[in-house]
Amino acid sequence: MPTRRSTATMKDVALKARVSLATVSRAFAAPGSVSETLTQRIVAAARDLNYTLNVNARSLRSQSSGLVVVLIPDIGNPFFSVLLQGIEEQARALGLAILIGDTHGDRELAATYARLLDTRRADGMILLNGTVPNRAHDGARLSPQRYPVVAISERIPGADIAMVGINNRAAGFEAVAHLAGLGHRRIAHIMGPADNILTHERAQGYREGVLAHGCDLWPEALQPGAFSIRAGRAAMAKLLDGPAPPTAVFAANDEIAIGAIIEAKARGLHVPRDLSVVGFDDIEYAESYDPALTTINQPRREMGRRAMAMLGELITDPDHRQADVNLEYQLVVRASTAPPRVASRKPVSRT
């Protein structure tokens, strides 16, 4: 039986959430301007009332498509699931629908999605793949000055595109500070893909943390890798085969960290007694893994919401220039980190 369309209005949402009509309007258009508590109340009220903006009426007024394209490099990566939830929630609140483009690094496929903006079949685009796609018809780079585009997580060098993310460099530094504070001095880092800006930002934070806390920095300490369990396991094998293996590892993402733990366990080592491991992202199964993973938590749902809200503003006012938004991250300490069996020096206090 078809679902009956809701007749609820924004005023109804305001009454149910016990807030003003202006607050509801701000929450939908720019969620960062409304507290998280009020935002949750408003979203819950809208969901209960099955409320959404009238996209058909708005499309007739503005000749918009009501569709937003979200480009991601790998839909199988668990990092993106919560981000997409945040994007979808905010898109629905704005009366927009999203189309997910899983590109797998295929430039031609990304260009095909970009063509939707050229032909006005999409109003804007959110980039989670760290690159600006080329246009399909002439191969030229998609112009953010001409089309509404927002990036999440990865700042895109040379492109005037607003980005929503965290300070990855500072987070990498804090991960090392945590391990150094436990007494570790031989701390290795397993990196992400070489062409990824997040890889370089997190590695820079690692280097600065190692130097600031007087830890060892040997030639093999920084291991190249990729954002996968397999890459984490391969890099960990190289570190353990070295003449003086590390007592701790900071991994560029949680999947790498899990791969490192798998390899350590396969060699009879105990985590964290023999090896401490810190990840990055706090994906869904980081807490349920054995041992539960110490990691950097990114506010992924809020990142998705904020990016979608920013894109909505650009769609409404294409001349409005957006500034980058850096949200707060959190080091979540769990069972995968502990003091080394024998600290080589006196533990440093955490910063």
Protein backbone atom coordinates (compact mmCIF):
# COMPACT_ATOMS: atom_id res chain seq x y z
CA MET A 1 0.00 0.00 0.00
CA PRO A 2 1.58 3.37 -0.94
CA THR A 3 2.70 5.64 1.87
CA ARG A 4 0.53 8.72 2.24
CA ARG A 5 2.44 11.97 1.73
CA SER A 6 2.84 13.94 4.94
CA THR A 7 0.98 17.26 5.20
CA ALA A 8 3.15 18.43 8.08
CA THR A 9 4.67 21.90 7.84
CA MET A 10 7.84 23.41 9.26
CA LYS A 11 5.61 25.07 11.87
CA ASP A 12 4.37 21.62 12.93
CA VAL A 13 7.97 20.50 13.37
CA ALA A 14 8.72 23.57 15.49
CA LEU A 15 5.70 22.89 17.73
CA LYS A 16 6.58 19.21 18.19
CA ALA A 17 10.25 19.99 18.93
CA ARG A 18 9.24 22.88 21.25
CA VAL A 19 11.43 25.42 19.46
CA SER A 20 10.82 28.50 17.35
CA LEU A 21 10.12 28.37 13.64
CA ALA A 22 13.34 30.34 13.04
CA THR A 23 15.35 27.71 14.93
CA VAL A 24 13.93 24.93 12.75
CA SER A 25 14.76 26.91 9.62
CA ARG A 26 18.36 27.48 10.80
CA ALA A 27 18.76 23.81 11.76
CA PHE A 28 17.80 22.71 8.25
CA ALA A 29 19.82 25.35 6.41
CA ALA A 30 22.92 25.52 8.63
CA PRO A 31 23.03 22.90 11.41
CA GLY A 32 26.27 24.25 12.85
CA SER A 33 24.38 27.35 14.00
CA VAL A 34 22.08 25.30 16.25
CA SER A 35 23.19 23.22 19.26
CA GLU A 36 23.49 19.46 18.85
CA THR A 37 20.74 18.90 21.46
CA LEU A 38 18.24 21.11 19.61
CA THR A 39 19.26 19.68 16.24
CA GLN A 40 18.55 16.14 17.45
CA ARG A 41 15.13 17.22 18.77
CA ILE A 42 14.26 18.89 15.47
CA VAL A 43 15.43 15.94 13.36
CA ALA A 44 13.46 13.52 15.57
CA ALA A 45 10.34 15.68 15.28
CA ALA A 46 10.69 15.91 11.49
CA ARG A 47 11.13 12.14 11.28
CA ASP A 48 8.06 11.49 13.47
CA LEU A 49 5.97 13.79 11.29
CA ASN A 50 7.48 12.42 8.06
CA TYR A 51 8.28 16.03 7.21
CA THR A 52 10.42 17.11 4.26
CA LEU A 53 10.70 20.35 2.33
CA ASN A 54 8.51 20.50 -0.75
CA VAL A 55 11.15 19.73 -3.36
CA ASN A 56 8.67 19.84 -6.27
CA ALA A 57 7.49 23.35 -5.47
CA ARG A 58 11.04 24.53 -4.96
CA SER A 59 12.18 22.99 -8.23
CA LEU A 60 9.43 24.83 -10.11
CA ARG A 61 10.54 28.12 -8.56
CA SER A 62 14.28 27.66 -9.05
CA GLN A 63 14.42 25.17 -11.94
CA SER A 64 16.64 22.93 -9.80
CA SER A 65 16.81 19.15 -10.10
CA GLY A 66 16.63 18.42 -6.37
CA LEU A 67 19.53 15.96 -6.78
CA VAL A 68 23.05 16.05 -5.29
CA VAL A 69 25.91 13.77 -6.38
CA VAL A 70 28.24 12.31 -3.73
CA LEU A 71 31.51 10.90 -5.12
CA ILE A 72 33.33 8.33 -2.97
CA PRO A 73 36.39 6.22 -3.85
CA ASP A 74 35.18 2.94 -2.33
CA ILE A 75 31.71 2.32 -0.96
CA GLY A 76 33.03 -0.79 0.81
CA ASN A 77 35.23 1.29 3.11
CA PRO A 78 33.41 1.47 6.48
CA PHE A 79 34.68 5.01 7.03
CA PHE A 80 32.08 6.36 4.60
CA SER A 81 28.93 4.74 6.02
CA VAL A 82 28.30 7.22 8.86
CA LEU A 83 29.37 10.15 6.67
CA LEU A 84 26.71 9.16 4.16
CA GLN A 85 24.11 8.94 6.92
CA GLY A 86 24.84 12.53 7.90
CA ILE A 87 24.70 13.69 4.28
CA GLU A 88 21.41 11.87 3.70
CA GLU A 89 19.79 13.26 6.86
CA GLN A 90 20.62 16.84 5.98
CA ALA A 91 19.72 16.37 2.31
CA ARG A 92 16.27 15.10 3.27
CA ALA A 93 15.80 18.06 5.59
CA LEU A 94 16.61 20.36 2.66
CA GLY A 95 14.27 18.47 0.33
CA LEU A 96 17.13 17.04 -1.72
CA ALA A 97 17.98 13.52 -2.85
CA ILE A 98 21.50 12.11 -3.17
CA LEU A 99 23.10 9.96 -5.83
CA ILE A 100 26.18 8.04 -4.67
CA GLY A 101 28.94 7.65 -7.23
CA ASP A 102 31.35 4.86 -6.29
CA THR A 103 34.31 5.74 -8.55
CA HIS A 104 37.10 3.34 -7.42
CA GLY A 105 39.55 5.94 -8.71
CA ASP A 106 38.11 5.76 -12.25
CA ARG A 107 38.46 9.28 -13.69
CA GLU A 108 36.15 8.58 -16.61
CA LEU A 109 33.41 7.40 -14.28
CA ALA A 110 33.88 10.50 -12.11
CA ALA A 111 33.63 12.65 -15.27
CA THR A 112 30.34 10.92 -16.13
CA TYR A 113 28.90 11.97 -12.78
CA ALA A 114 30.27 15.49 -13.27
CA ARG A 115 28.29 15.69 -16.49
CA LEU A 116 25.11 15.62 -14.41
CA LEU A 117 26.04 19.11 -13.22
CA ASP A 118 26.79 20.26 -16.77
CA THR A 119 23.40 19.12 -17.96
CA ARG A 120 21.60 20.53 -14.89
CA ARG A 121 20.42 17.08 -13.85
CA ALA A 122 22.17 17.61 -10.50
CA ASP A 123 22.40 20.78 -8.42
CA GLY A 124 25.72 20.18 -6.70
CA MET A 125 28.40 17.69 -5.71
CA ILE A 126 30.11 16.49 -2.53
CA LEU A 127 33.60 15.07 -2.98
CA LEU A 128 34.93 12.36 -0.66
CA ASN A 129 37.56 11.14 -3.09
CA GLY A 130 40.14 13.93 -2.72
CA THR A 131 40.06 15.00 -6.39
CA VAL A 132 38.04 17.29 -8.61
CA PRO A 133 36.56 15.33 -11.54
CA ASN A 134 36.99 16.41 -15.14
CA ARG A 135 34.01 17.21 -17.30
CA ALA A 136 33.05 14.40 -19.65
CA HIS A 137 32.46 16.47 -22.78
CA ASP A 138 35.77 18.37 -22.97
CA GLY A 139 38.07 16.86 -20.32
CA ALA A 140 38.44 20.19 -18.50
CA ARG A 141 38.46 20.23 -14.72
CA LEU A 142 35.05 20.84 -13.14
CA SER A 143 34.98 24.49 -12.04
CA PRO A 144 33.96 25.09 -8.41
CA GLN A 145 33.38 28.72 -9.38
CA ARG A 146 30.64 27.60 -11.75
CA TYR A 147 29.12 24.67 -9.86
CA PRO A 148 28.31 24.15 -6.14
CA VAL A 149 30.96 21.74 -4.82
CA VAL A 150 32.04 20.87 -1.25
CA ALA A 151 34.72 18.43 -0.07
CA ILE A 152 34.75 16.24 3.05
CA SER A 153 37.82 15.06 4.96
CA GLU A 154 40.39 15.65 2.21
CA ARG A 155 41.49 19.18 1.32
CA ILE A 156 42.03 19.37 -2.44
CA PRO A 157 45.22 21.29 -3.33
CA GLY A 158 44.83 23.98 -5.95
CA ALA A 159 41.03 23.93 -5.87
CA ASP A 160 38.89 26.68 -4.40
CA ILE A 161 36.59 24.22 -2.66
CA ALA A 162 35.43 24.49 0.93
CA MET A 163 36.23 21.43 3.05
CA VAL A 164 34.70 19.95 6.21
CA GLY A 165 37.10 17.82 8.25
CA ILE A 166 39.45 17.73 11.23
CA ASN A 167 43.05 18.73 11.93
CA ASN A 168 44.72 15.46 10.91
CA ARG A 169 48.20 16.74 11.71
CA ALA A 170 47.25 17.60 15.30
CA ALA A 171 45.44 14.26 15.66
CA GLY A 172 48.55 12.36 14.50
CA PHE A 173 50.63 14.28 17.03
CA GLU A 174 48.17 13.39 19.82
CA ALA A 175 48.25 9.69 18.90
CA VAL A 176 52.05 9.67 19.31
CA ALA A 177 51.81 11.72 22.53
CA HIS A 178 49.49 9.07 23.98
CA LEU A 179 51.96 6.27 23.21
CA ALA A 180 54.93 8.29 24.44
CA GLY A 181 53.03 9.07 27.62
CA LEU A 182 52.71 5.35 28.26
CA GLY A 183 56.49 5.00 28.04
CA HIS A 184 56.96 3.89 24.42
CA ARG A 185 60.05 5.20 22.65
CA ARG A 186 60.19 3.00 19.57
CA ILE A 187 56.96 4.01 17.81
CA ALA A 188 56.41 3.17 14.14
CA HIS A 189 53.86 4.60 11.73
CA ILE A 190 52.05 2.70 8.96
CA MET A 191 50.90 5.21 6.37
CA GLY A 192 48.03 5.33 3.92
CA PRO A 193 48.30 5.69 0.11
CA ALA A 194 51.21 7.85 -1.04
CA ASP A 195 48.97 10.11 -3.18
CA ASN A 196 46.50 10.86 -0.39
CA ILE A 197 46.74 14.19 1.44
CA LEU A 198 45.48 12.62 4.68
CA THR A 199 48.48 10.26 4.57
CA HIS A 200 50.88 13.19 4.53
CA GLU A 201 49.06 15.21 7.19
CA ARG A 202 48.90 12.29 9.63
CA ALA A 203 52.53 11.33 8.91
CA GLN A 204 53.59 14.91 9.56
CA GLY A 205 51.82 14.84 12.92
CA TYR A 206 53.59 11.54 13.67
CA ARG A 207 57.04 13.00 12.89
CA GLU A 208 56.39 16.10 14.99
CA GLY A 209 55.13 13.96 17.89
CA VAL A 210 58.16 11.64 17.78
CA LEU A 211 60.59 14.57 17.77
CA ALA A 212 58.71 16.51 20.47
CA HIS A 213 58.71 13.53 22.84
CA GLY A 214 62.27 12.37 22.24
CA CYS A 215 61.29 9.05 20.65
CA ASP A 216 63.31 7.02 18.15
CA LEU A 217 63.01 7.78 14.45
CA TRP A 218 64.76 5.10 12.40
CA PRO A 219 64.73 4.65 8.59
CA GLU A 220 62.04 1.93 8.57
CA ALA A 221 59.83 3.63 11.16
CA LEU A 222 57.52 5.05 8.49
CA GLN A 223 56.09 2.18 6.49
CA PRO A 224 54.22 2.84 3.20
CA GLY A 225 50.78 1.30 2.97
CA ALA A 226 47.15 1.69 1.92
CA PHE A 227 43.87 2.07 3.79
CA SER A 228 43.27 -1.69 4.11
CA ILE A 229 43.71 -4.60 6.51
CA ARG A 230 45.97 -6.37 4.02
CA ALA A 231 48.31 -3.38 3.78
CA GLY A 232 48.44 -3.08 7.57
CA ARG A 233 49.38 -6.71 7.92
CA ALA A 234 52.11 -6.52 5.24
CA ALA A 235 53.66 -3.38 6.77
CA MET A 236 53.55 -4.88 10.26
CA ALA A 237 55.39 -7.96 8.97
CA LYS A 238 58.20 -5.77 7.69
CA LEU A 239 58.45 -3.95 10.99
CA LEU A 240 58.56 -7.19 12.99
CA ASP A 241 61.19 -8.66 10.68
CA GLY A 242 63.48 -5.70 11.36
CA PRO A 243 66.45 -5.88 13.73
CA ALA A 244 64.69 -3.92 16.49
CA PRO A 245 60.87 -4.09 16.17
CA PRO A 246 58.75 -1.26 17.58
CA THR A 247 56.87 -1.52 20.85
CA ALA A 248 54.03 0.61 19.46
CA VAL A 249 52.43 1.49 16.12
CA PHE A 250 50.32 4.44 15.04
CA ALA A 251 48.27 3.44 11.99
CA ALA A 252 46.85 5.92 9.48
CA ASN A 253 43.39 4.33 9.74
CA ASP A 254 41.57 1.62 11.71
CA GLU A 255 41.73 -1.00 8.99
CA ILE A 256 45.51 -0.67 8.88
CA ALA A 257 45.57 -0.94 12.68
CA ILE A 258 43.48 -4.11 12.62
CA GLY A 259 45.78 -5.61 9.98
CA ALA A 260 48.79 -4.81 12.18
CA ILE A 261 47.14 -6.54 15.15
CA ILE A 262 46.29 -9.61 13.07
CA GLU A 263 49.92 -9.95 11.97
CA ALA A 264 51.23 -9.46 15.51
CA LYS A 265 48.87 -12.12 16.85
CA ALA A 266 49.85 -14.50 14.04
CA ARG A 267 53.43 -14.26 15.29
CA GLY A 268 52.49 -15.06 18.87
CA LEU A 269 52.57 -11.51 20.18
CA HIS A 270 50.03 -10.13 22.61
CA VAL A 271 48.37 -6.75 22.03
CA PRO A 272 48.90 -4.58 24.01
CA ARG A 273 51.40 -6.39 26.26
CA ASP A 274 53.96 -6.87 23.46
CA LEU A 275 52.73 -4.23 21.04
CA SER A 276 50.46 -1.20 21.44
CA VAL A 277 48.42 -0.05 18.45
CA VAL A 278 46.56 3.21 17.76
CA GLY A 279 44.21 3.59 14.78
CA PHE A 280 42.39 6.48 13.16
CA ASP A 281 38.66 7.11 12.33
CA ASP A 282 36.87 5.04 15.03
CA ILE A 283 34.89 2.94 12.56
CA GLU A 284 31.95 0.87 13.82
CA TYR A 285 33.84 -2.30 14.74
CA ALA A 286 36.84 -0.54 16.32
CA GLU A 287 35.22 -0.81 19.74
CA SER A 288 34.13 -4.44 19.31
CA TYR A 289 37.44 -5.70 17.93
CA ASP A 290 39.70 -7.80 20.19
CA PRO A 291 41.35 -5.90 21.70
CA ALA A 292 39.11 -2.84 21.46
CA LEU A 293 41.01 -0.31 19.42
CA THR A 294 42.46 2.93 20.74
CA THR A 295 41.81 5.40 17.93
CA ILE A 296 41.11 8.95 16.80
CA ASN A 297 37.37 9.55 16.58
CA GLN A 298 36.19 11.77 13.74
CA PRO A 299 32.66 13.24 14.06
CA ARG A 300 31.69 11.69 10.74
CA ARG A 301 27.92 12.15 10.98
CA GLU A 302 28.33 15.83 11.77
CA MET A 303 30.92 16.17 8.97
CA GLY A 304 28.31 14.84 6.54
CA ARG A 305 25.59 17.12 7.87
CA ARG A 306 27.76 20.23 7.76
CA ALA A 307 29.00 19.55 4.25
CA MET A 308 25.46 19.02 2.98
CA ALA A 309 24.30 22.21 4.71
CA MET A 310 27.18 24.14 3.11
CA LEU A 311 26.31 22.71 -0.28
CA GLY A 312 22.68 23.69 0.22
CA GLU A 313 23.76 27.28 0.85
CA LEU A 314 25.89 27.25 -2.31
CA ILE A 315 22.99 25.88 -4.36
CA THR A 316 20.77 28.67 -3.07
CA ASP A 317 23.46 31.36 -3.49
CA PRO A 318 26.23 30.28 -5.93
CA ASP A 319 28.20 33.49 -5.30
CA HIS A 320 28.52 32.79 -1.59
CA ARG A 321 32.04 31.65 -0.73
CA GLN A 322 32.36 29.09 2.03
CA ALA A 323 35.24 28.83 4.50
CA ASP A 324 36.76 25.50 5.57
CA VAL A 325 35.27 23.95 8.71
CA ASN A 326 37.50 22.06 11.16
CA LEU A 327 35.48 20.00 13.64
CA GLU A 328 36.75 18.60 16.94
CA TYR A 329 38.27 15.12 17.02
CA GLN A 330 38.79 12.92 20.10
CA LEU A 331 41.42 10.37 21.10
CA VAL A 332 39.43 7.37 22.36
CA VAL A 333 41.60 5.19 24.62
CA ARG A 334 40.67 1.50 24.68
CA ALA A 335 42.40 -1.82 25.27
CA SER A 336 44.91 -1.88 22.38
CA THR A 337 47.41 0.41 24.13
CA ALA A 338 49.35 -0.07 27.39
CA PRO A 339 52.82 0.67 28.80
CA PRO A 340 55.61 -1.39 27.23
CA ARG A 341 56.90 -4.39 29.18
CA VAL A 342 60.12 -2.52 29.97
CA ALA A 343 60.17 1.21 29.36
CA SER A 344 63.51 2.29 27.89
CA ARG A 345 63.27 5.67 29.56
CA LYS A 346 61.10 7.44 32.07
CA PRO A 347 57.58 7.89 30.66
CA VAL A 348 56.75 11.37 29.42
CA SER A 349 53.66 13.13 30.65
CA ARG A 350 50.82 13.34 28.11
CA THR A 351 50.24 16.62 26.36
